[in-house]
Protein backbone atom coordinates (compact mmCIF):
# COMPACT_ATOMS: atom_id res chain seq x y z
CA UNK A 1 -71.71 -100.85 -40.16
CA UNK A 2 -69.07 -103.70 -39.30
CA UNK A 3 -66.73 -102.38 -42.01
CA UNK A 4 -67.22 -99.09 -39.95
CA UNK A 5 -66.09 -100.39 -36.90
CA UNK A 6 -63.55 -102.13 -38.30
CA UNK A 7 -62.03 -98.93 -39.85
CA UNK A 8 -62.65 -97.04 -37.15
CA UNK A 9 -60.72 -99.87 -34.60
CA UNK A 10 -57.80 -99.75 -37.18
CA UNK A 11 -57.54 -96.02 -37.24
CA UNK A 12 -57.58 -95.61 -33.66
CA UNK A 13 -54.90 -98.31 -33.30
CA UNK A 14 -52.83 -96.54 -36.05
CA UNK A 15 -53.42 -92.92 -33.97
CA UNK A 16 -52.37 -94.79 -30.46
CA UNK A 17 -49.31 -96.33 -32.43
CA UNK A 18 -48.12 -93.23 -33.76
CA UNK A 19 -48.72 -91.37 -30.65
CA UNK A 20 -46.52 -94.13 -28.93
CA UNK A 21 -43.91 -93.61 -31.21
CA UNK A 22 -43.81 -89.98 -31.20
CA UNK A 23 -43.80 -90.09 -27.16
CA UNK A 24 -41.07 -92.25 -27.31
CA UNK A 25 -38.90 -90.34 -29.74
CA UNK A 26 -39.68 -87.24 -27.55
CA UNK A 27 -38.36 -89.01 -24.23
CA UNK A 28 -35.10 -90.54 -26.57
CA UNK A 29 -34.20 -87.10 -27.97
CA UNK A 30 -34.62 -85.28 -24.47
CA UNK A 31 -32.60 -88.38 -22.88
CA UNK A 32 -29.94 -87.43 -25.48
CA UNK A 33 -29.95 -83.91 -25.12
CA UNK A 34 -29.70 -84.41 -21.28
CA UNK A 35 -26.47 -86.93 -21.60
CA UNK A 36 -24.80 -84.58 -23.88
CA UNK A 37 -25.08 -81.43 -21.63
CA UNK A 38 -24.09 -83.96 -18.76
CA UNK A 39 -21.02 -84.86 -20.50
CA UNK A 40 -20.25 -81.17 -21.56
CA UNK A 41 -20.35 -80.23 -18.22
CA UNK A 42 -18.72 -83.26 -16.47
CA UNK A 43 -15.76 -82.72 -19.22
CA UNK A 44 -15.51 -78.94 -18.11
CA UNK A 45 -15.65 -80.16 -14.47
CA UNK A 46 -12.75 -82.51 -14.93
CA UNK A 47 -10.58 -80.18 -16.71
CA UNK A 48 -11.63 -76.87 -14.41
CA UNK A 49 -12.04 -77.98 -10.76
CA UNK A 50 -8.26 -79.37 -10.50
CA UNK A 51 -7.26 -75.33 -11.36
CA UNK A 52 -9.81 -74.00 -9.17
CA UNK A 53 -8.82 -73.08 -5.94
CA UNK A 54 -9.18 -69.96 -3.41
CA UNK A 55 -6.60 -68.15 -4.91
CA UNK A 56 -8.50 -68.00 -8.44
CA UNK A 57 -11.21 -65.63 -7.03
CA UNK A 58 -8.68 -63.77 -4.19
CA UNK A 59 -5.25 -63.36 -6.33
CA UNK A 60 -4.44 -61.37 -9.47
CA UNK A 61 -2.34 -62.72 -12.50
CA UNK A 62 1.28 -62.50 -11.54
CA UNK A 63 2.31 -62.30 -15.26
CA UNK A 64 4.62 -65.69 -15.02
CA UNK A 65 4.09 -68.01 -17.86
CA UNK A 66 5.12 -70.88 -15.26
CA UNK A 67 4.54 -71.97 -12.17
CA UNK A 68 2.23 -69.55 -9.91
CA UNK A 69 0.52 -67.81 -12.59
CA UNK A 70 -1.82 -66.23 -10.02
CA UNK A 71 -5.96 -66.19 -10.50
CA UNK A 72 -8.75 -64.21 -11.55
CA UNK A 73 -9.85 -61.96 -9.15
CA UNK A 74 -9.63 -58.92 -11.57
CA UNK A 75 -11.83 -60.74 -14.50
CA UNK A 76 -14.49 -62.05 -12.25
CA UNK A 77 -15.24 -58.55 -10.85
CA UNK A 78 -14.84 -57.14 -14.40
CA UNK A 79 -17.15 -59.22 -15.84
CA UNK A 80 -19.81 -58.87 -13.32
CA UNK A 81 -19.28 -55.04 -13.57
CA UNK A 82 -19.96 -55.19 -17.28
CA UNK A 83 -22.76 -57.90 -16.95
CA UNK A 84 -24.45 -55.08 -14.48
CA UNK A 85 -23.69 -52.16 -16.66
CA UNK A 86 -24.93 -54.02 -19.68
CA UNK A 87 -28.30 -55.06 -17.88
CA UNK A 88 -29.19 -51.64 -16.49
CA UNK A 89 -29.18 -50.45 -20.54
CA UNK A 90 -30.35 -53.51 -22.17
CA UNK A 91 -33.05 -54.98 -19.81
CA UNK A 92 -35.29 -51.88 -19.59
CA UNK A 93 -34.72 -50.93 -23.50
CA UNK A 94 -35.57 -54.20 -24.28
CA UNK A 95 -38.75 -54.81 -21.83
CA UNK A 96 -40.09 -51.47 -23.05
CA UNK A 97 -39.65 -52.30 -26.62
CA UNK A 98 -41.54 -55.69 -26.10
CA UNK A 99 -44.28 -53.93 -24.26
CA UNK A 100 -44.84 -51.75 -27.07
CA UNK A 101 -45.03 -54.52 -29.58
CA UNK A 102 -47.50 -56.60 -27.60
CA UNK A 103 -49.62 -53.92 -26.30
CA UNK A 104 -49.29 -50.55 -28.21
CA UNK A 105 -48.74 -51.76 -31.57
CA UNK A 106 -52.42 -51.80 -32.72
CA UNK A 107 -52.68 -50.06 -35.83
CA UNK A 108 -49.05 -48.80 -35.55
CA UNK A 109 -46.98 -48.83 -38.67
CA UNK A 110 -44.06 -49.26 -37.03
CA UNK A 111 -44.63 -52.71 -35.31
CA UNK A 112 -43.46 -54.71 -38.24
CA UNK A 113 -40.56 -52.82 -38.98
CA UNK A 114 -39.53 -52.81 -35.40
CA UNK A 115 -40.03 -56.50 -35.24
CA UNK A 116 -37.74 -56.81 -38.26
CA UNK A 117 -34.66 -54.99 -36.88
CA UNK A 118 -35.14 -57.26 -33.53
CA UNK A 119 -34.90 -59.94 -35.52
CA UNK A 120 -31.84 -59.00 -37.91
CA UNK A 121 -30.01 -57.54 -35.06
CA UNK A 122 -30.48 -60.77 -32.66
CA UNK A 123 -28.60 -62.74 -35.77
CA UNK A 124 -25.92 -59.86 -36.23
CA UNK A 125 -22.35 -61.79 -35.54
CA UNK A 126 -21.07 -60.52 -32.11
CA UNK A 127 -17.65 -59.57 -33.83
CA UNK A 128 -19.74 -56.84 -35.82
CA UNK A 129 -21.31 -55.43 -32.68
CA UNK A 130 -17.43 -55.17 -31.46
CA UNK A 131 -16.40 -53.35 -34.58
CA UNK A 132 -19.24 -50.97 -34.40
CA UNK A 133 -18.52 -50.09 -30.74
CA UNK A 134 -14.83 -49.49 -31.80
CA UNK A 135 -15.69 -47.37 -34.40
CA UNK A 136 -18.45 -45.21 -32.63
CA UNK A 137 -17.44 -45.53 -28.99
CA UNK A 138 -13.68 -46.20 -28.65
CA UNK A 139 -12.14 -44.23 -31.35
CA UNK A 140 -14.42 -40.70 -30.52
CA UNK A 141 -13.09 -41.03 -26.85
CA UNK A 142 -9.60 -42.04 -27.68
CA UNK A 143 -8.97 -45.41 -25.47
CA UNK A 144 -10.53 -48.66 -24.87
CA UNK A 145 -13.06 -48.62 -21.88
CA UNK A 146 -15.69 -50.58 -20.06
CA UNK A 147 -18.62 -48.29 -20.96
CA UNK A 148 -18.11 -49.27 -24.65
CA UNK A 149 -18.04 -52.86 -23.68
CA UNK A 150 -21.17 -52.84 -21.66
CA UNK A 151 -22.80 -50.95 -24.33
CA UNK A 152 -21.74 -53.66 -26.82
CA UNK A 153 -23.16 -56.27 -24.75
CA UNK A 154 -26.43 -53.99 -24.00
CA UNK A 155 -26.88 -53.70 -28.08
CA UNK A 156 -27.01 -57.53 -28.06
CA UNK A 157 -29.38 -58.08 -25.27
CA UNK A 158 -31.99 -55.60 -26.23
CA UNK A 159 -33.29 -57.68 -29.12
CA UNK A 160 -33.44 -60.49 -27.34
CA UNK A 161 -35.25 -59.34 -24.21
CA UNK A 162 -37.64 -57.28 -26.80
CA UNK A 163 -38.76 -60.19 -28.74
CA UNK A 164 -39.04 -62.73 -25.79
CA UNK A 165 -41.30 -59.78 -23.65
CA UNK A 166 -43.22 -59.60 -26.78
CA UNK A 167 -44.09 -63.18 -26.75
CA UNK A 168 -44.27 -63.90 -23.24
CA UNK A 169 -47.09 -60.97 -22.85
CA UNK A 170 -48.75 -61.89 -25.94
CA UNK A 171 -49.45 -65.37 -24.24
CA UNK A 172 -51.32 -63.77 -21.39
CA UNK A 173 -55.11 -64.55 -21.81
CA UNK A 174 -57.07 -61.33 -23.39
CA UNK A 175 -59.67 -61.59 -20.52
CA UNK A 176 -57.05 -60.28 -17.81
CA UNK A 177 -56.47 -56.99 -19.67
CA UNK A 178 -60.65 -56.89 -20.34
CA UNK A 179 -61.02 -57.32 -16.51
CA UNK A 180 -58.79 -55.08 -15.21
CA UNK A 181 -59.69 -52.12 -17.89
CA UNK A 182 -63.38 -53.11 -16.70
CA UNK A 183 -62.60 -52.30 -13.14
CA UNK A 184 -61.05 -48.66 -13.84
CA UNK A 185 -57.25 -49.24 -14.68
CA UNK A 186 -55.36 -47.49 -17.05
CA UNK A 187 -53.65 -49.12 -19.78
CA UNK A 188 -50.04 -48.75 -17.69
CA UNK A 189 -51.63 -50.11 -14.50
CA UNK A 190 -53.07 -52.71 -16.42
CA UNK A 191 -49.64 -53.89 -18.00
CA UNK A 192 -47.51 -53.00 -14.98
CA UNK A 193 -50.06 -54.38 -12.33
CA UNK A 194 -51.75 -57.46 -14.15
CA UNK A 195 -49.96 -58.50 -17.33
CA UNK A 196 -46.18 -58.33 -16.49
CA UNK A 197 -46.99 -59.98 -13.02
CA UNK A 198 -48.81 -62.75 -14.98
CA UNK A 199 -45.88 -63.38 -17.30
CA UNK A 200 -43.15 -63.30 -14.96
CA UNK A 201 -41.52 -66.38 -14.90
CA UNK A 202 -41.61 -66.29 -18.90
CA UNK A 203 -39.71 -63.01 -18.72
CA UNK A 204 -37.15 -63.86 -16.27
CA UNK A 205 -36.17 -66.59 -18.36
CA UNK A 206 -36.08 -64.15 -21.34
CA UNK A 207 -33.85 -61.86 -19.55
CA UNK A 208 -31.41 -64.92 -18.29
CA UNK A 209 -31.24 -65.88 -21.90
CA UNK A 210 -30.14 -62.57 -22.80
CA UNK A 211 -27.61 -62.39 -19.62
CA UNK A 212 -26.15 -65.87 -20.42
CA UNK A 213 -25.51 -64.92 -24.28
CA UNK A 214 -23.65 -61.75 -23.70
CA UNK A 215 -21.73 -63.45 -20.34
CA UNK A 216 -20.11 -65.44 -22.76
CA UNK A 217 -19.19 -62.88 -25.59
CA UNK A 218 -15.62 -62.35 -26.47
CA UNK A 219 -15.47 -60.66 -29.41
CA UNK A 220 -17.19 -57.22 -28.68
CA UNK A 221 -15.14 -57.13 -25.72
CA UNK A 222 -11.94 -57.37 -27.33
CA UNK A 223 -12.76 -54.58 -29.53
CA UNK A 224 -14.08 -52.49 -26.70
CA UNK A 225 -13.03 -53.05 -22.81
CA UNK A 226 -10.04 -54.87 -24.57
CA UNK A 227 -9.04 -56.57 -21.09
CA UNK A 228 -6.33 -55.81 -18.79
CA UNK A 229 -4.37 -57.71 -15.93
CA UNK A 230 -4.60 -55.09 -13.44
CA UNK A 231 -7.78 -54.94 -10.79
CA UNK A 232 -9.94 -52.19 -12.59
CA UNK A 233 -13.21 -50.93 -11.60
CA UNK A 234 -13.43 -47.72 -13.19
CA UNK A 235 -15.86 -48.20 -16.40
CA UNK A 236 -13.90 -45.69 -17.91
CA UNK A 237 -10.65 -47.67 -18.61
CA UNK A 238 -9.89 -50.70 -20.11
CA UNK A 239 -11.97 -53.39 -18.38
CA UNK A 240 -11.22 -57.05 -17.46
CA UNK A 241 -13.22 -60.05 -18.21
CA UNK A 242 -13.51 -63.69 -17.87
CA UNK A 243 -14.10 -64.14 -21.30
CA UNK A 244 -11.07 -62.29 -22.73
CA UNK A 245 -8.98 -63.42 -20.02
CA UNK A 246 -9.68 -67.10 -21.04
CA UNK A 247 -9.32 -66.41 -24.77
CA UNK A 248 -5.96 -64.90 -23.62
CA UNK A 249 -4.72 -67.76 -21.34
CA UNK A 250 -6.33 -70.70 -23.76
CA UNK A 251 -4.60 -69.36 -26.99
CA UNK A 252 -1.12 -68.75 -25.22
CA UNK A 253 1.75 -71.39 -25.06
CA UNK A 254 1.65 -71.76 -21.27
CA UNK A 255 0.10 -75.30 -20.21
CA UNK A 256 -0.15 -73.54 -16.71
CA UNK A 257 -2.20 -70.84 -17.94
CA UNK A 258 -4.25 -72.76 -19.83
CA UNK A 259 -5.37 -74.99 -16.91
CA UNK A 260 -6.34 -71.71 -15.24
CA UNK A 261 -8.34 -70.83 -18.62
CA UNK A 262 -10.37 -74.31 -18.17
CA UNK A 263 -10.99 -72.82 -14.39
CA UNK A 264 -12.36 -69.87 -15.83
CA UNK A 265 -14.99 -71.55 -18.24
CA UNK A 266 -16.02 -73.38 -15.01
CA UNK A 267 -16.37 -70.45 -13.08
CA UNK A 268 -18.17 -68.70 -15.75
CA UNK A 269 -20.69 -71.30 -16.34
CA UNK A 270 -21.25 -71.58 -12.50
CA UNK A 271 -21.86 -67.69 -12.64
CA UNK A 272 -24.43 -67.70 -14.95
CA UNK A 273 -25.79 -70.60 -13.15
CA UNK A 274 -25.78 -68.65 -9.82
CA UNK A 275 -27.80 -65.82 -11.60
CA UNK A 276 -30.23 -67.96 -13.17
CA UNK A 277 -30.83 -69.32 -9.52
CA UNK A 278 -31.07 -66.09 -7.95
CA UNK A 279 -33.34 -64.21 -10.45
CA UNK A 280 -35.78 -67.15 -10.24
CA UNK A 281 -35.86 -67.03 -6.63
CA UNK A 282 -36.49 -63.51 -6.29
CA UNK A 283 -39.42 -63.92 -9.32
CA UNK A 284 -41.11 -66.90 -7.52
CA UNK A 285 -40.99 -65.10 -4.23
CA UNK A 286 -42.64 -61.69 -5.81
CA UNK A 287 -45.10 -63.69 -7.46
CA UNK A 288 -45.87 -65.91 -4.50
CA UNK A 289 -46.13 -62.46 -2.16
CA UNK A 290 -48.90 -61.12 -4.55
CA UNK A 291 -51.35 -64.42 -4.34
């Protein structure tokens, strides 16, 4: 009896000790990640903020290698257009694929191959997507264009949104579905009015991951949209973008253009941050209005 109590006491102490160690390691690694992130952001801020000015957003490149090299108004606008076009295609297709895999795959032989294809596509190098976009979209049309760049980015977005949507919808409790159908709602009404609102925050996170991924892509755009020093809002023409302009300036010999490239990197990170906050705010307002 005494021996059993002693064994249980020793086991409890070991369990509490292991739990304390795991908790300490979790906090430690979290601090390391946060400090590393702050160091990276601080380093980019230090290099890029000194070259950031109002002219960055209002001026076009002058073409000069030294002195006044202009701004990146064309690249900022081009990036927003490309992301918007890619989102129009990639987000709905990804959401519908994820909904099918989560809600309609019962007894379906297509679900497993679709999941496998999504997983493979999510790991395909972006330069491969760019080459495919060049062969399938640029060469048949005979010229580089923004539509090809947007579709290449959408191709990258779809598997990310699809797999995230599937996993997040599966986390919604099954009694939500049963209660909705029991009250006479159809399958589609249950998905649109019950399941998706319950997973709105998680779905927004998945969409933002996809947008953040494509917003920083350069290789697909080099092969499709190409880039331009001119202000262009016509997707049927070569479309400028921040990533391509940053790549051009950062790899060039001009120190002034390289400084502007650091400012472009800082603006690109800020753009993703603002998009993240805006979409999360809109999602939270939507969820709050339904309560």
